[in-house]
Amino acid sequence: MTLEWLAALNGSHPGMIVLAYISTAHEPPTAELLRACTAAGYKVHVPVCEPDFQLSWVRWDPQSELVRSTLAPVMEPCGPRASYEELAGDSSAAPSGAPASAGAGAQVLAIIVPALAVDATGARLGQGGGYYDRLLARSPGVPLAAVIYDNEFLPAGDLPHNSLDMPVNYALTPSAWIPLGRAAIL
């Protein structure tokens, strides 16, 4: 389903960056999603938890070495880290000491995030750390999808949310990709 969704996005082509994540035991598995995106030619990056509930990103491939995060109950890849801004091509936001051209010419096609549930408006229930809401607030215009099981897709208005909760545009389930909120009416 994920490759169909990526292909449907405007401007989608292999070589673009897809930000995804490594699932935990209770989440829908993402290992096949990551392998399929890489095999299709997308540049897959997965997160590393940083202090102050921020994420950096490391290029992933099937041979990537993984270690347990020191900040969250997840596995993370080893390797050079990049900020979202670097991957999106905004070199003005590169961290101190990073090369100014670190993200030049890069383009993030889509961001795929975990969720405990998603409703038809795009409201997403995360695990409460706010890592992804902080990222999504900095990525306007980038298609956002949450990976959930079919039974975790809920009717509009079923999830509580506030101004800090960033909505997603799509739900990716084992059986379908579902446009949400504004994406559903476009």
C-alpha atoms as a PDB file:
ATOM      1  CA  MET A   1       0.000   0.000   0.000  1.00  0.00           C
ATOM      2  CA  THR A   2       2.793   2.418   0.848  1.00  0.00           C
ATOM      3  CA  LEU A   3       4.370   2.328  -2.601  1.00  0.00           C
ATOM      4  CA  GLU A   4       0.956   2.970  -4.191  1.00  0.00           C
ATOM      5  CA  TRP A   5       0.473   5.952  -1.887  1.00  0.00           C
ATOM      6  CA  LEU A   6       3.939   7.345  -2.641  1.00  0.00           C
ATOM      7  CA  ALA A   7       3.364   6.915  -6.390  1.00  0.00           C
ATOM      8  CA  ALA A   8       0.089   8.844  -6.106  1.00  0.00           C
ATOM      9  CA  LEU A   9       1.783  11.885  -4.568  1.00  0.00           C
ATOM     10  CA  ASN A  10       2.454  14.792  -6.920  1.00  0.00           C
ATOM     11  CA  GLY A  11       6.068  14.822  -8.036  1.00  0.00           C
ATOM     12  CA  SER A  12       6.771  11.363  -6.648  1.00  0.00           C
ATOM     13  CA  HIS A  13       9.798   9.673  -8.103  1.00  0.00           C
ATOM     14  CA  PRO A  14      12.536   7.406  -6.828  1.00  0.00           C
ATOM     15  CA  GLY A  15      15.482   9.256  -5.386  1.00  0.00           C
ATOM     16  CA  MET A  16      13.303  11.467  -3.217  1.00  0.00           C
ATOM     17  CA  ILE A  17      13.509  11.233   0.568  1.00  0.00           C
ATOM     18  CA  VAL A  18      10.931   9.353   2.625  1.00  0.00           C
ATOM     19  CA  LEU A  19      11.081   9.823   6.395  1.00  0.00           C
ATOM     20  CA  ALA A  20       9.730   6.737   8.143  1.00  0.00           C
ATOM     21  CA  TYR A  21      10.345   4.862  11.395  1.00  0.00           C
ATOM     22  CA  ILE A  22      11.294   1.482  12.809  1.00  0.00           C
ATOM     23  CA  SER A  23       8.238  -0.044  14.449  1.00  0.00           C
ATOM     24  CA  THR A  24       8.102  -1.504  17.936  1.00  0.00           C
ATOM     25  CA  ALA A  25       6.467  -4.815  18.837  1.00  0.00           C
ATOM     26  CA  HIS A  26       2.958  -3.384  19.403  1.00  0.00           C
ATOM     27  CA  GLU A  27       2.875  -1.273  16.192  1.00  0.00           C
ATOM     28  CA  PRO A  28       2.120  -2.388  12.648  1.00  0.00           C
ATOM     29  CA  PRO A  29       5.426  -3.720  11.315  1.00  0.00           C
ATOM     30  CA  THR A  30       7.386  -1.306   9.137  1.00  0.00           C
ATOM     31  CA  ALA A  31      10.346  -3.498   8.166  1.00  0.00           C
ATOM     32  CA  GLU A  32       8.774  -4.501   4.835  1.00  0.00           C
ATOM     33  CA  LEU A  33       7.678  -0.889   4.189  1.00  0.00           C
ATOM     34  CA  LEU A  34      11.265   0.319   4.693  1.00  0.00           C
ATOM     35  CA  ARG A  35      12.685  -2.439   2.462  1.00  0.00           C
ATOM     36  CA  ALA A  36      10.100  -1.810  -0.284  1.00  0.00           C
ATOM     37  CA  CYS A  37      10.749   1.945  -0.315  1.00  0.00           C
ATOM     38  CA  THR A  38      14.505   1.396  -0.467  1.00  0.00           C
ATOM     39  CA  ALA A  39      14.163  -1.216  -3.228  1.00  0.00           C
ATOM     40  CA  ALA A  40      11.971   1.219  -5.210  1.00  0.00           C
ATOM     41  CA  GLY A  41      14.781   3.798  -5.104  1.00  0.00           C
ATOM     42  CA  TYR A  42      13.539   6.134  -2.375  1.00  0.00           C
ATOM     43  CA  LYS A  43      16.099   7.468   0.114  1.00  0.00           C
ATOM     44  CA  VAL A  44      14.707   6.258   3.430  1.00  0.00           C
ATOM     45  CA  HIS A  45      15.692   8.006   6.645  1.00  0.00           C
ATOM     46  CA  VAL A  46      14.582   6.901  10.119  1.00  0.00           C
ATOM     47  CA  PRO A  47      14.634   8.909  13.349  1.00  0.00           C
ATOM     48  CA  VAL A  48      17.027   9.134  16.246  1.00  0.00           C
ATOM     49  CA  CYS A  49      15.637  10.639  19.456  1.00  0.00           C
ATOM     50  CA  GLU A  50      17.523  13.705  20.596  1.00  0.00           C
ATOM     51  CA  PRO A  51      17.316  15.767  23.805  1.00  0.00           C
ATOM     52  CA  ASP A  52      14.355  18.126  24.218  1.00  0.00           C
ATOM     53  CA  PHE A  53      12.056  15.738  22.301  1.00  0.00           C
ATOM     54  CA  GLN A  54      13.652  16.481  18.932  1.00  0.00           C
ATOM     55  CA  LEU A  55      14.398  14.025  16.123  1.00  0.00           C
ATOM     56  CA  SER A  56      17.382  13.746  13.838  1.00  0.00           C
ATOM     57  CA  TRP A  57      17.477  11.407  10.851  1.00  0.00           C
ATOM     58  CA  VAL A  58      19.836   8.671   9.646  1.00  0.00           C
ATOM     59  CA  ARG A  59      19.803   7.077   6.188  1.00  0.00           C
ATOM     60  CA  TRP A  60      18.438   3.525   6.445  1.00  0.00           C
ATOM     61  CA  ASP A  61      19.091   0.422   4.399  1.00  0.00           C
ATOM     62  CA  PRO A  62      18.474  -3.263   5.181  1.00  0.00           C
ATOM     63  CA  GLN A  63      22.016  -3.648   6.547  1.00  0.00           C
ATOM     64  CA  SER A  64      21.785  -0.660   8.916  1.00  0.00           C
ATOM     65  CA  GLU A  65      23.098  -1.347  12.396  1.00  0.00           C
ATOM     66  CA  LEU A  66      20.476  -0.670  15.071  1.00  0.00           C
ATOM     67  CA  VAL A  67      20.971   0.162  18.749  1.00  0.00           C
ATOM     68  CA  ARG A  68      18.564   0.798  21.607  1.00  0.00           C
ATOM     69  CA  SER A  69      17.785   4.504  22.070  1.00  0.00           C
ATOM     70  CA  THR A  70      19.006   6.074  25.286  1.00  0.00           C
ATOM     71  CA  LEU A  71      15.968   8.410  25.318  1.00  0.00           C
ATOM     72  CA  ALA A  72      12.987   6.294  24.195  1.00  0.00           C
ATOM     73  CA  PRO A  73      11.946   2.618  24.040  1.00  0.00           C
ATOM     74  CA  VAL A  74      12.847   2.260  20.332  1.00  0.00           C
ATOM     75  CA  MET A  75      15.636   0.959  18.138  1.00  0.00           C
ATOM     76  CA  GLU A  76      17.665   3.553  16.232  1.00  0.00           C
ATOM     77  CA  PRO A  77      20.153   3.358  13.377  1.00  0.00           C
ATOM     78  CA  CYS A  78      23.831   4.178  13.698  1.00  0.00           C
ATOM     79  CA  GLY A  79      25.334   6.643  11.268  1.00  0.00           C
ATOM     80  CA  PRO A  80      25.605  10.318  10.387  1.00  0.00           C
ATOM     81  CA  ARG A  81      22.634  12.339  11.610  1.00  0.00           C
ATOM     82  CA  ALA A  82      20.830  15.103   9.755  1.00  0.00           C
ATOM     83  CA  SER A  83      18.118  17.506  10.861  1.00  0.00           C
ATOM     84  CA  TYR A  84      14.778  17.677   9.094  1.00  0.00           C
ATOM     85  CA  GLU A  85      15.768  21.084   7.738  1.00  0.00           C
ATOM     86  CA  GLU A  86      18.933  19.660   6.204  1.00  0.00           C
ATOM     87  CA  LEU A  87      17.008  16.870   4.485  1.00  0.00           C
ATOM     88  CA  ALA A  88      14.347  19.297   3.282  1.00  0.00           C
ATOM     89  CA  GLY A  89      17.024  21.464   1.697  1.00  0.00           C
ATOM     90  CA  ASP A  90      16.888  24.382   4.156  1.00  0.00           C
ATOM     91  CA  SER A  91      20.602  24.823   4.759  1.00  0.00           C
ATOM     92  CA  SER A  92      19.942  28.047   6.669  1.00  0.00           C
ATOM     93  CA  ALA A  93      18.636  25.880   9.508  1.00  0.00           C
ATOM     94  CA  ALA A  94      21.663  23.547   9.596  1.00  0.00           C
ATOM     95  CA  PRO A  95      22.981  22.994  13.106  1.00  0.00           C
ATOM     96  CA  SER A  96      26.108  24.794  14.215  1.00  0.00           C
ATOM     97  CA  GLY A  97      29.155  23.109  12.743  1.00  0.00           C
ATOM     98  CA  ALA A  98      27.220  21.309   9.992  1.00  0.00           C
ATOM     99  CA  PRO A  99      28.159  21.962   6.376  1.00  0.00           C
ATOM    100  CA  ALA A 100      25.963  24.670   4.853  1.00  0.00           C
ATOM    101  CA  SER A 101      25.263  22.482   1.823  1.00  0.00           C
ATOM    102  CA  ALA A 102      24.198  19.426   3.835  1.00  0.00           C
ATOM    103  CA  GLY A 103      20.637  19.547   2.491  1.00  0.00           C
ATOM    104  CA  ALA A 104      21.140  21.425  -0.754  1.00  0.00           C
ATOM    105  CA  GLY A 105      18.980  19.913  -3.476  1.00  0.00           C
ATOM    106  CA  ALA A 106      17.347  17.379  -1.148  1.00  0.00           C
ATOM    107  CA  GLN A 107      13.604  16.970  -1.093  1.00  0.00           C
ATOM    108  CA  VAL A 108      11.394  15.207   1.444  1.00  0.00           C
ATOM    109  CA  LEU A 109       8.564  13.531  -0.453  1.00  0.00           C
ATOM    110  CA  ALA A 110       6.631  12.234   2.549  1.00  0.00           C
ATOM    111  CA  ILE A 111       6.745  11.654   6.278  1.00  0.00           C
ATOM    112  CA  ILE A 112       5.424   8.369   7.683  1.00  0.00           C
ATOM    113  CA  VAL A 113       4.770   8.396  11.439  1.00  0.00           C
ATOM    114  CA  PRO A 114       3.560   5.967  14.100  1.00  0.00           C
ATOM    115  CA  ALA A 115       0.163   6.297  15.758  1.00  0.00           C
ATOM    116  CA  LEU A 116      -2.001   4.460  18.244  1.00  0.00           C
ATOM    117  CA  ALA A 117      -5.081   5.617  16.332  1.00  0.00           C
ATOM    118  CA  VAL A 118      -6.173   8.130  13.676  1.00  0.00           C
ATOM    119  CA  ASP A 119      -9.611   9.556  12.966  1.00  0.00           C
ATOM    120  CA  ALA A 120     -11.126  10.672   9.667  1.00  0.00           C
ATOM    121  CA  THR A 121     -10.199  14.332  10.315  1.00  0.00           C
ATOM    122  CA  GLY A 122      -6.509  13.413  10.547  1.00  0.00           C
ATOM    123  CA  ALA A 123      -6.306  13.682  14.330  1.00  0.00           C
ATOM    124  CA  ARG A 124      -3.516  11.355  15.443  1.00  0.00           C
ATOM    125  CA  LEU A 125      -3.054   9.760  18.824  1.00  0.00           C
ATOM    126  CA  GLY A 126       0.642   9.319  19.523  1.00  0.00           C
ATOM    127  CA  GLN A 127       2.375   8.009  22.610  1.00  0.00           C
ATOM    128  CA  GLY A 128       2.572  11.388  24.310  1.00  0.00           C
ATOM    129  CA  GLY A 129       6.218  12.388  23.898  1.00  0.00           C
ATOM    130  CA  GLY A 130       5.519  15.011  21.243  1.00  0.00           C
ATOM    131  CA  TYR A 131       8.540  14.087  19.098  1.00  0.00           C
ATOM    132  CA  TYR A 132       6.459  13.797  15.932  1.00  0.00           C
ATOM    133  CA  ASP A 133       4.170  16.767  16.640  1.00  0.00           C
ATOM    134  CA  ARG A 134       7.298  18.949  16.898  1.00  0.00           C
ATOM    135  CA  LEU A 135       8.538  17.583  13.568  1.00  0.00           C
ATOM    136  CA  LEU A 136       5.179  17.890  11.796  1.00  0.00           C
ATOM    137  CA  ALA A 137       4.831  21.520  12.882  1.00  0.00           C
ATOM    138  CA  ARG A 138       8.057  22.238  10.916  1.00  0.00           C
ATOM    139  CA  SER A 139       6.997  20.424   7.741  1.00  0.00           C
ATOM    140  CA  PRO A 140       4.039  22.291   6.223  1.00  0.00           C
ATOM    141  CA  GLY A 141       3.038  21.038   2.806  1.00  0.00           C
ATOM    142  CA  VAL A 142       4.774  17.659   3.121  1.00  0.00           C
ATOM    143  CA  PRO A 143       2.307  14.751   2.894  1.00  0.00           C
ATOM    144  CA  LEU A 144       2.000  13.088   6.291  1.00  0.00           C
ATOM    145  CA  ALA A 145       0.816   9.525   6.836  1.00  0.00           C
ATOM    146  CA  ALA A 146       0.278   7.491  10.001  1.00  0.00           C
ATOM    147  CA  VAL A 147       0.705   3.725   9.917  1.00  0.00           C
ATOM    148  CA  ILE A 148      -2.072   1.988  11.825  1.00  0.00           C
ATOM    149  CA  TYR A 149      -3.987  -1.276  11.924  1.00  0.00           C
ATOM    150  CA  ASP A 150      -7.413  -1.228  10.244  1.00  0.00           C
ATOM    151  CA  ASN A 151      -9.226  -1.215  13.610  1.00  0.00           C
ATOM    152  CA  GLU A 152      -7.255   1.890  14.722  1.00  0.00           C
ATOM    153  CA  PHE A 153      -8.985   4.057  12.089  1.00  0.00           C
ATOM    154  CA  LEU A 154     -11.814   5.910  13.836  1.00  0.00           C
ATOM    155  CA  PRO A 155     -14.737   8.121  12.789  1.00  0.00           C
ATOM    156  CA  ALA A 156     -14.243  11.904  12.681  1.00  0.00           C
ATOM    157  CA  GLY A 157     -14.186  13.506  16.104  1.00  0.00           C
ATOM    158  CA  ASP A 158     -13.432  10.314  18.047  1.00  0.00           C
ATOM    159  CA  LEU A 159      -9.963  11.443  19.139  1.00  0.00           C
ATOM    160  CA  PRO A 160      -9.282  14.301  21.521  1.00  0.00           C
ATOM    161  CA  HIS A 161      -6.750  16.812  20.245  1.00  0.00           C
ATOM    162  CA  ASN A 162      -5.511  20.329  20.901  1.00  0.00           C
ATOM    163  CA  SER A 163      -3.588  23.026  19.052  1.00  0.00           C
ATOM    164  CA  LEU A 164      -0.256  21.233  19.664  1.00  0.00           C
ATOM    165  CA  ASP A 165      -1.467  18.001  18.022  1.00  0.00           C
ATOM    166  CA  MET A 166      -0.534  18.045  14.348  1.00  0.00           C
ATOM    167  CA  PRO A 167      -2.981  16.269  12.020  1.00  0.00           C
ATOM    168  CA  VAL A 168      -1.892  13.819   9.342  1.00  0.00           C
ATOM    169  CA  ASN A 169      -3.151  13.699   5.752  1.00  0.00           C
ATOM    170  CA  TYR A 170      -3.339   9.934   5.293  1.00  0.00           C
ATOM    171  CA  ALA A 171      -3.723   6.675   7.189  1.00  0.00           C
ATOM    172  CA  LEU A 172      -1.759   3.694   5.893  1.00  0.00           C
ATOM    173  CA  THR A 173      -3.372   0.426   6.986  1.00  0.00           C
ATOM    174  CA  PRO A 174      -2.647  -3.166   5.959  1.00  0.00           C
ATOM    175  CA  SER A 175      -5.625  -2.993   3.568  1.00  0.00           C
ATOM    176  CA  ALA A 176      -5.660   0.594   2.209  1.00  0.00           C
ATOM    177  CA  TRP A 177      -4.300   4.122   2.184  1.00  0.00           C
ATOM    178  CA  ILE A 178      -6.987   6.527   3.315  1.00  0.00           C
ATOM    179  CA  PRO A 179      -7.058  10.285   2.622  1.00  0.00           C
ATOM    180  CA  LEU A 180      -7.969  12.229   5.782  1.00  0.00           C
ATOM    181  CA  GLY A 181      -9.242  15.710   6.564  1.00  0.00           C
ATOM    182  CA  ARG A 182      -8.431  18.176   3.770  1.00  0.00           C
ATOM    183  CA  ALA A 183      -6.656  15.453   1.745  1.00  0.00           C
ATOM    184  CA  ALA A 184      -9.973  13.555   1.576  1.00  0.00           C
ATOM    185  CA  ILE A 185     -11.690  16.434  -0.218  1.00  0.00           C
ATOM    186  CA  LEU A 186      -8.884  17.333  -2.637  1.00  0.00           C
END
